PDB file of N, CA and C in Angstrom:
ATOM      1  N   MET A   1       0.820  -1.173   0.000  1.00  0.00           N
ATOM      2  CA  MET A   1       0.000   0.000   0.000  1.00  0.00           C
ATOM      3  C   MET A   1       0.879   1.257   0.000  1.00  0.00           C
ATOM      4  N   ARG A   2       1.965   1.215   0.746  1.00  0.00           N
ATOM      5  CA  ARG A   2       2.854   2.381   0.783  1.00  0.00           C
ATOM      6  C   ARG A   2       3.483   2.644  -0.581  1.00  0.00           C
ATOM      7  N   LYS A   3       3.747   1.579  -1.347  1.00  0.00           N
ATOM      8  CA  LYS A   3       4.325   1.752  -2.683  1.00  0.00           C
ATOM      9  C   LYS A   3       3.316   2.371  -3.638  1.00  0.00           C
ATOM     10  N   ASP A   4       2.068   1.915  -3.570  1.00  0.00           N
ATOM     11  CA  ASP A   4       1.035   2.403  -4.483  1.00  0.00           C
ATOM     12  C   ASP A   4       0.540   3.802  -4.114  1.00  0.00           C
ATOM     13  N   TYR A   5       0.611   4.146  -2.819  1.00  0.00           N
ATOM     14  CA  TYR A   5       0.088   5.422  -2.341  1.00  0.00           C
ATOM     15  C   TYR A   5       1.119   6.102  -1.433  1.00  0.00           C
ATOM     16  N   PRO A   6       2.201   6.644  -1.992  1.00  0.00           N
ATOM     17  CA  PRO A   6       3.255   7.232  -1.158  1.00  0.00           C
ATOM     18  C   PRO A   6       2.776   8.412  -0.310  1.00  0.00           C
ATOM     19  N   GLU A   7       1.695   9.060  -0.721  1.00  0.00           N
ATOM     20  CA  GLU A   7       1.183  10.207   0.047  1.00  0.00           C
ATOM     21  C   GLU A   7       0.530   9.774   1.365  1.00  0.00           C
ATOM     22  N   ILE A   8       0.373   8.477   1.563  1.00  0.00           N
ATOM     23  CA  ILE A   8      -0.308   7.964   2.754  1.00  0.00           C
ATOM     24  C   ILE A   8       0.465   8.254   4.045  1.00  0.00           C
ATOM     25  N   HIS A   9       1.763   8.532   3.937  1.00  0.00           N
ATOM     26  CA  HIS A   9       2.551   8.782   5.145  1.00  0.00           C
ATOM     27  C   HIS A   9       1.975   9.907   5.995  1.00  0.00           C
ATOM     28  N   ARG A  10       1.222  10.814   5.386  1.00  0.00           N
ATOM     29  CA  ARG A  10       0.600  11.910   6.151  1.00  0.00           C
ATOM     30  C   ARG A  10      -0.451  11.401   7.121  1.00  0.00           C
ATOM     31  N   TYR A  11      -0.970  10.217   6.868  1.00  0.00           N
ATOM     32  CA  TYR A  11      -2.067   9.699   7.673  1.00  0.00           C
ATOM     33  C   TYR A  11      -1.645   8.583   8.622  1.00  0.00           C
ATOM     34  N   LEU A  12      -0.365   8.280   8.695  1.00  0.00           N
ATOM     35  CA  LEU A  12       0.114   7.176   9.528  1.00  0.00           C
ATOM     36  C   LEU A  12       0.431   7.638  10.947  1.00  0.00           C
ATOM     37  N   TRP A  13       0.215   6.755  11.901  1.00  0.00           N
ATOM     38  CA  TRP A  13       0.576   6.981  13.299  1.00  0.00           C
ATOM     39  C   TRP A  13       1.767   6.079  13.595  1.00  0.00           C
ATOM     40  N   LYS A  14       2.957   6.626  13.563  1.00  0.00           N
ATOM     41  CA  LYS A  14       4.185   5.861  13.809  1.00  0.00           C
ATOM     42  C   LYS A  14       4.260   4.621  12.917  1.00  0.00           C
ATOM     43  N   GLY A  15       3.884   4.768  11.659  1.00  0.00           N
ATOM     44  CA  GLY A  15       3.981   3.668  10.701  1.00  0.00           C
ATOM     45  C   GLY A  15       2.746   2.792  10.603  1.00  0.00           C
ATOM     46  N   ALA A  16       1.754   3.011  11.432  1.00  0.00           N
ATOM     47  CA  ALA A  16       0.543   2.188  11.414  1.00  0.00           C
ATOM     48  C   ALA A  16      -0.603   2.950  10.746  1.00  0.00           C
ATOM     49  N   LEU A  17      -1.542   2.214  10.191  1.00  0.00           N
ATOM     50  CA  LEU A  17      -2.699   2.839   9.541  1.00  0.00           C
ATOM     51  C   LEU A  17      -3.834   3.127  10.517  1.00  0.00           C
ATOM     52  N   TRP A  18      -3.603   2.898  11.787  1.00  0.00           N
ATOM     53  CA  TRP A  18      -4.629   3.154  12.790  1.00  0.00           C
ATOM     54  C   TRP A  18      -3.956   3.731  14.020  1.00  0.00           C
ATOM     55  N   SER A  19      -4.702   4.378  14.857  1.00  0.00           N
ATOM     56  CA  SER A  19      -4.148   4.969  16.071  1.00  0.00           C
ATOM     57  C   SER A  19      -4.175   3.946  17.199  1.00  0.00           C
ATOM     58  N   PRO A  20      -3.373   4.155  18.228  1.00  0.00           N
ATOM     59  CA  PRO A  20      -3.357   3.225  19.360  1.00  0.00           C
ATOM     60  C   PRO A  20      -4.553   3.469  20.278  1.00  0.00           C
ATOM     61  N   SER A  21      -5.728   3.269  19.758  1.00  0.00           N
ATOM     62  CA  SER A  21      -6.939   3.496  20.533  1.00  0.00           C
ATOM     63  C   SER A  21      -7.689   2.185  20.691  1.00  0.00           C
ATOM     64  N   TYR A  22      -8.979   2.252  20.810  1.00  0.00           N
ATOM     65  CA  TYR A  22      -9.768   1.041  20.986  1.00  0.00           C
ATOM     66  C   TYR A  22     -11.010   1.098  20.121  1.00  0.00           C
ATOM     67  N   PHE A  23     -11.645  -0.019  19.998  1.00  0.00           N
ATOM     68  CA  PHE A  23     -12.865  -0.141  19.210  1.00  0.00           C
ATOM     69  C   PHE A  23     -13.993  -0.600  20.114  1.00  0.00           C
ATOM     70  N   ALA A  24     -15.137  -0.018  19.945  1.00  0.00           N
ATOM     71  CA  ALA A  24     -16.320  -0.464  20.673  1.00  0.00           C
ATOM     72  C   ALA A  24     -17.396  -0.788  19.643  1.00  0.00           C
ATOM     73  N   GLY A  25     -17.931  -1.962  19.724  1.00  0.00           N
ATOM     74  CA  GLY A  25     -18.971  -2.374  18.799  1.00  0.00           C
ATOM     75  C   GLY A  25     -20.008  -3.208  19.511  1.00  0.00           C
ATOM     76  N   SER A  26     -21.104  -3.418  18.862  1.00  0.00           N
ATOM     77  CA  SER A  26     -22.180  -4.202  19.458  1.00  0.00           C
ATOM     78  C   SER A  26     -22.823  -5.066  18.387  1.00  0.00           C
ATOM     79  N   CYS A  27     -23.169  -6.268  18.762  1.00  0.00           N
ATOM     80  CA  CYS A  27     -23.869  -7.134  17.824  1.00  0.00           C
ATOM     81  C   CYS A  27     -25.243  -7.498  18.386  1.00  0.00           C
ATOM     82  N   GLY A  28     -25.629  -6.789  19.420  1.00  0.00           N
ATOM     83  CA  GLY A  28     -26.922  -7.050  20.045  1.00  0.00           C
ATOM     84  C   GLY A  28     -27.909  -5.946  19.748  1.00  0.00           C
ATOM     85  N   GLU A  29     -28.871  -5.847  20.591  1.00  0.00           N
ATOM     86  CA  GLU A  29     -29.938  -4.867  20.412  1.00  0.00           C
ATOM     87  C   GLU A  29     -29.782  -3.663  21.328  1.00  0.00           C
ATOM     88  N   ALA A  30     -28.578  -3.427  21.856  1.00  0.00           N
ATOM     89  CA  ALA A  30     -28.367  -2.308  22.775  1.00  0.00           C
ATOM     90  C   ALA A  30     -28.529  -0.985  22.028  1.00  0.00           C
ATOM     91  N   SER A  31     -29.138  -0.033  22.706  1.00  0.00           N
ATOM     92  CA  SER A  31     -29.332   1.279  22.092  1.00  0.00           C
ATOM     93  C   SER A  31     -28.042   2.091  22.177  1.00  0.00           C
ATOM     94  N   LEU A  32     -27.971   3.153  21.399  1.00  0.00           N
ATOM     95  CA  LEU A  32     -26.812   4.032  21.433  1.00  0.00           C
ATOM     96  C   LEU A  32     -26.642   4.633  22.826  1.00  0.00           C
ATOM     97  N   GLU A  33     -27.738   4.943  23.480  1.00  0.00           N
ATOM     98  CA  GLU A  33     -27.683   5.505  24.836  1.00  0.00           C
ATOM     99  C   GLU A  33     -27.026   4.518  25.812  1.00  0.00           C
ATOM    100  N   ILE A  34     -27.405   3.261  25.757  1.00  0.00           N
ATOM    101  CA  ILE A  34     -26.828   2.224  26.632  1.00  0.00           C
ATOM    102  C   ILE A  34     -25.338   2.068  26.342  1.00  0.00           C
ATOM    103  N   LEU A  35     -24.958   2.007  25.067  1.00  0.00           N
ATOM    104  CA  LEU A  35     -23.548   1.868  24.702  1.00  0.00           C
ATOM    105  C   LEU A  35     -22.735   3.076  25.160  1.00  0.00           C
ATOM    106  N   THR A  36     -23.278   4.262  24.991  1.00  0.00           N
ATOM    107  CA  THR A  36     -22.593   5.480  25.419  1.00  0.00           C
ATOM    108  C   THR A  36     -22.342   5.458  26.920  1.00  0.00           C
ATOM    109  N   LYS A  37     -23.343   5.087  27.705  1.00  0.00           N
ATOM    110  CA  LYS A  37     -23.181   5.005  29.158  1.00  0.00           C
ATOM    111  C   LYS A  37     -22.119   3.982  29.527  1.00  0.00           C
ATOM    112  N   TYR A  38     -22.120   2.840  28.861  1.00  0.00           N
ATOM    113  CA  TYR A  38     -21.134   1.793  29.128  1.00  0.00           C
ATOM    114  C   TYR A  38     -19.714   2.309  28.871  1.00  0.00           C
ATOM    115  N   ILE A  39     -19.518   2.955  27.728  1.00  0.00           N
ATOM    116  CA  ILE A  39     -18.192   3.462  27.364  1.00  0.00           C
ATOM    117  C   ILE A  39     -17.740   4.536  28.347  1.00  0.00           C
ATOM    118  N   GLU A  40     -18.639   5.423  28.728  1.00  0.00           N
ATOM    119  CA  GLU A  40     -18.281   6.500  29.652  1.00  0.00           C
ATOM    120  C   GLU A  40     -17.881   5.961  31.032  1.00  0.00           C
ATOM    121  N   GLN A  41     -18.345   4.801  31.407  1.00  0.00           N
ATOM    122  CA  GLN A  41     -18.048   4.227  32.714  1.00  0.00           C
ATOM    123  C   GLN A  41     -16.739   3.429  32.728  1.00  0.00           C
ATOM    124  N   GLN A  42     -16.118   3.240  31.570  1.00  0.00           N
ATOM    125  CA  GLN A  42     -14.887   2.474  31.499  1.00  0.00           C
ATOM    126  C   GLN A  42     -13.712   3.316  31.971  1.00  0.00           C
ATOM    127  N   ASN A  43     -12.670   2.653  32.479  1.00  0.00           N
ATOM    128  CA  ASN A  43     -11.448   3.346  32.874  1.00  0.00           C
ATOM    129  C   ASN A  43     -10.738   3.845  31.626  1.00  0.00           C
ATOM    130  N   ARG A  44     -10.193   5.023  31.724  1.00  0.00           N
ATOM    131  CA  ARG A  44      -9.446   5.602  30.607  1.00  0.00           C
ATOM    132  C   ARG A  44      -7.997   5.148  30.667  1.00  0.00           C
ATOM    133  N   PRO A  45      -7.375   4.867  29.513  1.00  0.00           N
ATOM    134  CA  PRO A  45      -5.953   4.480  29.518  1.00  0.00           C
ATOM    135  C   PRO A  45      -5.094   5.649  29.979  1.00  0.00           C
ATOM    136  N   LYS A  46      -3.981   5.346  30.592  1.00  0.00           N
ATOM    137  CA  LYS A  46      -3.083   6.408  31.076  1.00  0.00           C
ATOM    138  C   LYS A  46      -1.901   6.556  30.185  1.00  0.00           C
TER     139      LYS A  46
END
């Protein structure tokens, strides 16, 4: 990908195509409000 799109370096985080964060997803019937409350109650990384 780097060979085909050399301009991509502007969007990399230390060589990776994603940031060192986390993903939250749901495969159930939880509402956005329930998911938001759950995420807000989680410990934040230091």
